[in-house]
C-alpha cells in the first residue's frame, strides 16, 4: 500500500525519482539551513516565533525575493522586528511594497 501524505505521495516520489544526485544534495542542504536555527523546544513563545519568522523572511529577501511578493502578515512580522521602514534595510522604498502593473 502506498503512502499518501503531504511529504510522501505520488507527485513527490515522481519528482524525487527525476532529480539528479546534485539536486537531492542541494535540497538537503536547503532543508538543513532552514531548520538549523529553529528551536522546537520553545513552543508557544510568540516572541521566538516572530523572531524565527523574521529570520526566515530576511533570508528570502537576501536571496532576492522582492518585497511586493510578501503577504500582509509577513510584512507585519518585518515591521515588528525591524521598524515601519523595514524595507530600507534591503535598499527598497515604500513604492517597492506594491506590485507594479
N, C-alpha and C. Protein backbone atom coordinates (compact mmCIF):
# COMPACT_ATOMS: atom_id res chain seq x y z
N UNK A 1 0.85 -1.18 0.00
CA UNK A 1 0.00 0.00 0.00
C UNK A 1 0.89 1.25 0.00
N UNK A 2 0.65 2.17 -0.88
CA UNK A 2 1.50 3.35 -0.95
C UNK A 2 1.00 4.42 0.02
N UNK A 3 1.94 5.17 0.52
CA UNK A 3 1.62 6.27 1.42
C UNK A 3 1.02 7.39 0.60
N UNK A 4 0.25 8.21 1.27
CA UNK A 4 -0.31 9.37 0.59
C UNK A 4 -0.40 10.52 1.58
N UNK A 5 0.77 11.02 1.98
CA UNK A 5 0.85 12.14 2.90
C UNK A 5 1.37 13.35 2.15
N UNK A 6 1.42 14.47 2.84
CA UNK A 6 1.92 15.69 2.21
C UNK A 6 3.34 15.51 1.70
N UNK A 7 4.17 14.79 2.47
CA UNK A 7 5.59 14.66 2.13
C UNK A 7 5.91 13.37 1.39
N UNK A 8 4.95 12.48 1.30
CA UNK A 8 5.19 11.22 0.59
C UNK A 8 3.93 10.84 -0.19
N UNK A 9 3.90 11.27 -1.42
CA UNK A 9 2.78 10.95 -2.29
C UNK A 9 3.34 10.74 -3.70
N UNK A 10 2.49 10.37 -4.63
CA UNK A 10 2.95 10.04 -5.98
C UNK A 10 3.72 11.19 -6.63
N UNK A 11 3.24 12.41 -6.45
CA UNK A 11 3.90 13.57 -7.06
C UNK A 11 5.31 13.77 -6.47
N UNK A 12 5.43 13.65 -5.16
CA UNK A 12 6.74 13.83 -4.51
C UNK A 12 7.69 12.71 -4.92
N UNK A 13 7.20 11.48 -4.90
CA UNK A 13 8.05 10.35 -5.29
C UNK A 13 8.51 10.49 -6.74
N UNK A 14 7.64 10.93 -7.63
CA UNK A 14 7.99 11.11 -9.03
C UNK A 14 9.04 12.22 -9.19
N UNK A 15 8.82 13.33 -8.49
CA UNK A 15 9.79 14.45 -8.57
C UNK A 15 11.15 14.01 -8.07
N UNK A 16 11.18 13.31 -6.95
CA UNK A 16 12.45 12.85 -6.38
C UNK A 16 13.15 11.85 -7.31
N UNK A 17 12.37 10.98 -7.92
CA UNK A 17 12.94 9.98 -8.84
C UNK A 17 13.60 10.63 -10.05
N UNK A 18 13.13 11.82 -10.42
CA UNK A 18 13.67 12.51 -11.59
C UNK A 18 14.75 13.53 -11.25
N UNK A 19 15.12 13.62 -9.98
CA UNK A 19 16.18 14.57 -9.58
C UNK A 19 17.55 13.92 -9.72
N UNK A 20 18.50 14.76 -10.04
CA UNK A 20 19.88 14.27 -10.07
C UNK A 20 20.39 14.18 -8.63
N UNK A 21 21.51 13.48 -8.45
CA UNK A 21 22.11 13.40 -7.11
C UNK A 21 22.48 14.79 -6.60
N UNK A 22 22.91 15.67 -7.51
CA UNK A 22 23.27 17.04 -7.12
C UNK A 22 22.04 17.80 -6.64
N UNK A 23 20.90 17.62 -7.33
CA UNK A 23 19.67 18.29 -6.92
C UNK A 23 19.24 17.82 -5.53
N UNK A 24 19.30 16.53 -5.30
CA UNK A 24 18.92 15.98 -3.99
C UNK A 24 19.83 16.54 -2.91
N UNK A 25 21.12 16.60 -3.20
CA UNK A 25 22.09 17.15 -2.26
C UNK A 25 21.76 18.63 -1.95
N UNK A 26 21.44 19.40 -2.98
CA UNK A 26 21.11 20.82 -2.81
C UNK A 26 19.84 21.00 -1.96
N UNK A 27 18.81 20.20 -2.22
CA UNK A 27 17.58 20.30 -1.44
C UNK A 27 17.82 19.91 0.01
N UNK A 28 18.66 18.92 0.23
CA UNK A 28 19.00 18.53 1.60
C UNK A 28 19.70 19.68 2.31
N UNK A 29 20.60 20.35 1.62
CA UNK A 29 21.32 21.48 2.19
C UNK A 29 20.36 22.62 2.53
N UNK A 30 19.42 22.91 1.64
CA UNK A 30 18.42 23.95 1.89
C UNK A 30 17.59 23.60 3.13
N UNK A 31 17.18 22.35 3.24
CA UNK A 31 16.41 21.92 4.40
C UNK A 31 17.19 22.07 5.69
N UNK A 32 18.46 21.70 5.66
CA UNK A 32 19.30 21.84 6.85
C UNK A 32 19.45 23.30 7.24
N UNK A 33 19.64 24.18 6.26
CA UNK A 33 19.77 25.61 6.54
C UNK A 33 18.47 26.17 7.10
N UNK A 34 17.36 25.72 6.57
CA UNK A 34 16.05 26.20 7.02
C UNK A 34 15.80 25.82 8.48
N UNK A 35 16.14 24.60 8.85
CA UNK A 35 15.82 24.12 10.19
C UNK A 35 16.91 24.35 11.23
N UNK A 36 18.11 24.72 10.82
CA UNK A 36 19.21 24.80 11.78
C UNK A 36 18.99 25.82 12.89
N UNK A 37 18.29 26.92 12.61
CA UNK A 37 18.10 27.96 13.61
C UNK A 37 16.76 27.86 14.34
N UNK A 38 15.95 26.89 13.97
CA UNK A 38 14.65 26.76 14.63
C UNK A 38 14.80 26.00 15.94
N UNK A 39 14.21 26.55 16.96
CA UNK A 39 14.23 25.91 18.27
C UNK A 39 12.84 25.36 18.55
N UNK A 40 12.68 24.07 18.37
CA UNK A 40 11.37 23.46 18.52
C UNK A 40 11.00 23.25 19.99
N UNK A 41 11.90 23.56 20.90
CA UNK A 41 11.62 23.41 22.33
C UNK A 41 10.88 24.62 22.89
N UNK A 42 10.94 25.76 22.22
CA UNK A 42 10.31 26.98 22.71
C UNK A 42 8.90 27.11 22.15
N UNK A 43 8.07 26.14 22.40
CA UNK A 43 6.71 26.14 21.88
C UNK A 43 5.88 27.24 22.55
N UNK A 44 4.97 27.80 21.78
CA UNK A 44 4.03 28.80 22.27
C UNK A 44 4.69 30.08 22.76
N UNK A 45 5.93 30.33 22.41
CA UNK A 45 6.59 31.57 22.76
C UNK A 45 6.51 32.48 21.54
N UNK A 46 5.56 33.41 21.56
CA UNK A 46 5.28 34.23 20.38
C UNK A 46 6.50 35.04 19.96
N UNK A 47 7.28 35.52 20.91
CA UNK A 47 8.46 36.31 20.55
C UNK A 47 9.46 35.48 19.74
N UNK A 48 9.68 34.24 20.15
CA UNK A 48 10.63 33.40 19.41
C UNK A 48 10.07 33.03 18.04
N UNK A 49 8.77 32.85 17.95
CA UNK A 49 8.14 32.52 16.66
C UNK A 49 8.28 33.70 15.71
N UNK A 50 8.03 34.90 16.20
CA UNK A 50 8.17 36.10 15.36
C UNK A 50 9.62 36.28 14.95
N UNK A 51 10.54 36.07 15.88
CA UNK A 51 11.96 36.22 15.58
C UNK A 51 12.41 35.22 14.52
N UNK A 52 11.99 33.97 14.65
CA UNK A 52 12.34 32.94 13.67
C UNK A 52 11.71 33.24 12.31
N UNK A 53 10.49 33.75 12.32
CA UNK A 53 9.83 34.12 11.07
C UNK A 53 10.57 35.26 10.39
N UNK A 54 10.96 36.26 11.17
CA UNK A 54 11.71 37.39 10.62
C UNK A 54 13.04 36.93 10.04
N UNK A 55 13.69 36.00 10.71
CA UNK A 55 14.96 35.47 10.23
C UNK A 55 14.78 34.77 8.89
N UNK A 56 13.72 33.98 8.78
CA UNK A 56 13.44 33.28 7.53
C UNK A 56 13.11 34.27 6.41
N UNK A 57 12.25 35.26 6.72
CA UNK A 57 11.89 36.26 5.72
C UNK A 57 13.11 37.08 5.29
N UNK A 58 13.96 37.37 6.24
CA UNK A 58 15.19 38.11 5.96
C UNK A 58 16.06 37.32 4.98
N UNK A 59 16.16 36.02 5.19
CA UNK A 59 16.98 35.21 4.27
C UNK A 59 16.36 35.18 2.87
N UNK A 60 15.04 35.19 2.79
CA UNK A 60 14.38 35.23 1.48
C UNK A 60 14.67 36.55 0.77
N UNK A 61 14.58 37.66 1.51
CA UNK A 61 14.87 38.96 0.91
C UNK A 61 16.34 39.06 0.51
N UNK A 62 17.22 38.51 1.33
CA UNK A 62 18.65 38.50 0.99
C UNK A 62 18.91 37.67 -0.27
N UNK A 63 18.05 36.70 -0.52
CA UNK A 63 18.21 35.83 -1.69
C UNK A 63 17.54 36.39 -2.94
N UNK A 64 16.91 37.56 -2.82
CA UNK A 64 16.34 38.19 -3.99
C UNK A 64 14.83 38.28 -4.06
N UNK A 65 14.12 37.77 -3.04
CA UNK A 65 12.67 37.92 -3.04
C UNK A 65 12.32 39.41 -2.98
N UNK A 66 11.41 39.84 -3.82
CA UNK A 66 11.01 41.24 -3.84
C UNK A 66 9.94 41.49 -2.77
N UNK A 67 9.98 42.64 -2.12
CA UNK A 67 9.04 42.90 -1.02
C UNK A 67 7.57 42.86 -1.42
N UNK A 68 7.25 43.16 -2.67
CA UNK A 68 5.84 43.11 -3.05
C UNK A 68 5.32 41.67 -3.12
N UNK A 69 6.20 40.70 -3.07
CA UNK A 69 5.78 39.30 -3.06
C UNK A 69 5.43 38.78 -1.67
N UNK A 70 5.70 39.58 -0.65
CA UNK A 70 5.35 39.19 0.71
C UNK A 70 3.88 39.47 0.97
N UNK A 71 3.25 38.63 1.78
CA UNK A 71 1.85 38.91 2.13
C UNK A 71 1.79 39.87 3.31
N UNK A 72 0.60 40.32 3.67
CA UNK A 72 0.48 41.35 4.71
C UNK A 72 0.99 40.86 6.07
N UNK A 73 0.82 39.58 6.39
CA UNK A 73 1.31 39.06 7.66
C UNK A 73 2.83 39.03 7.70
N UNK A 74 3.45 38.66 6.59
CA UNK A 74 4.91 38.65 6.53
C UNK A 74 5.47 40.07 6.67
N UNK A 75 4.82 41.02 6.04
CA UNK A 75 5.25 42.42 6.17
C UNK A 75 5.06 42.89 7.61
N UNK A 76 4.01 42.44 8.24
CA UNK A 76 3.76 42.81 9.64
C UNK A 76 4.85 42.28 10.56
N UNK A 77 5.30 41.06 10.32
CA UNK A 77 6.40 40.48 11.10
C UNK A 77 7.66 41.33 10.94
N UNK A 78 7.97 41.70 9.72
CA UNK A 78 9.17 42.50 9.47
C UNK A 78 9.06 43.89 10.11
N UNK A 79 7.86 44.48 10.10
CA UNK A 79 7.66 45.76 10.79
C UNK A 79 7.89 45.61 12.28
N UNK A 80 7.40 44.52 12.83
CA UNK A 80 7.53 44.26 14.27
C UNK A 80 9.00 44.16 14.68
N UNK A 81 9.80 43.52 13.87
CA UNK A 81 11.21 43.28 14.21
C UNK A 81 12.11 44.44 13.80
N UNK A 82 11.91 44.98 12.61
CA UNK A 82 12.87 45.95 12.06
C UNK A 82 12.39 47.41 12.05
N UNK A 83 11.13 47.69 12.24
CA UNK A 83 10.54 49.04 12.26
C UNK A 83 9.59 49.21 11.08
N UNK A 84 8.90 50.33 11.06
CA UNK A 84 7.93 50.60 10.00
C UNK A 84 8.58 50.67 8.63
N UNK A 85 9.82 51.06 8.59
CA UNK A 85 10.53 51.18 7.31
C UNK A 85 11.53 50.02 7.13
N UNK A 86 11.08 48.82 7.47
CA UNK A 86 11.91 47.62 7.40
C UNK A 86 12.52 47.43 6.02
N UNK A 87 11.82 47.80 4.98
CA UNK A 87 12.25 47.58 3.59
C UNK A 87 13.53 48.34 3.26
N UNK A 88 13.82 49.42 3.99
CA UNK A 88 15.04 50.19 3.73
C UNK A 88 16.30 49.37 4.06
N UNK A 89 16.15 48.40 4.96
CA UNK A 89 17.28 47.51 5.31
C UNK A 89 17.81 46.79 4.07
N UNK A 90 16.93 46.57 3.09
CA UNK A 90 17.32 45.87 1.86
C UNK A 90 17.41 46.83 0.67
N UNK A 91 17.39 48.13 0.93
CA UNK A 91 17.55 49.11 -0.14
C UNK A 91 16.28 49.41 -0.94
N UNK A 92 15.12 49.06 -0.40
CA UNK A 92 13.86 49.31 -1.09
C UNK A 92 13.18 50.55 -0.55
N UNK A 93 12.19 51.04 -1.30
CA UNK A 93 11.39 52.17 -0.87
C UNK A 93 9.96 51.69 -0.64
N UNK A 94 9.13 52.54 -0.08
CA UNK A 94 7.74 52.18 0.18
C UNK A 94 7.02 51.79 -1.11
N UNK A 95 7.40 52.40 -2.23
CA UNK A 95 6.78 52.08 -3.53
C UNK A 95 7.04 50.62 -3.91
N UNK A 96 8.15 50.05 -3.44
CA UNK A 96 8.50 48.67 -3.78
C UNK A 96 7.62 47.65 -3.08
N UNK A 97 6.80 48.09 -2.13
CA UNK A 97 5.93 47.17 -1.40
C UNK A 97 4.71 46.75 -2.22
N UNK A 98 4.38 47.56 -3.20
CA UNK A 98 3.23 47.26 -4.05
C UNK A 98 3.72 46.81 -5.43
N UNK A 99 3.06 45.79 -5.95
CA UNK A 99 3.42 45.27 -7.26
C UNK A 99 2.99 46.24 -8.35
N UNK A 100 3.92 46.57 -9.25
CA UNK A 100 3.55 47.46 -10.36
C UNK A 100 2.81 46.66 -11.42
N UNK A 101 1.85 47.28 -12.00
CA UNK A 101 1.04 46.62 -13.04
C UNK A 101 1.69 46.76 -14.38
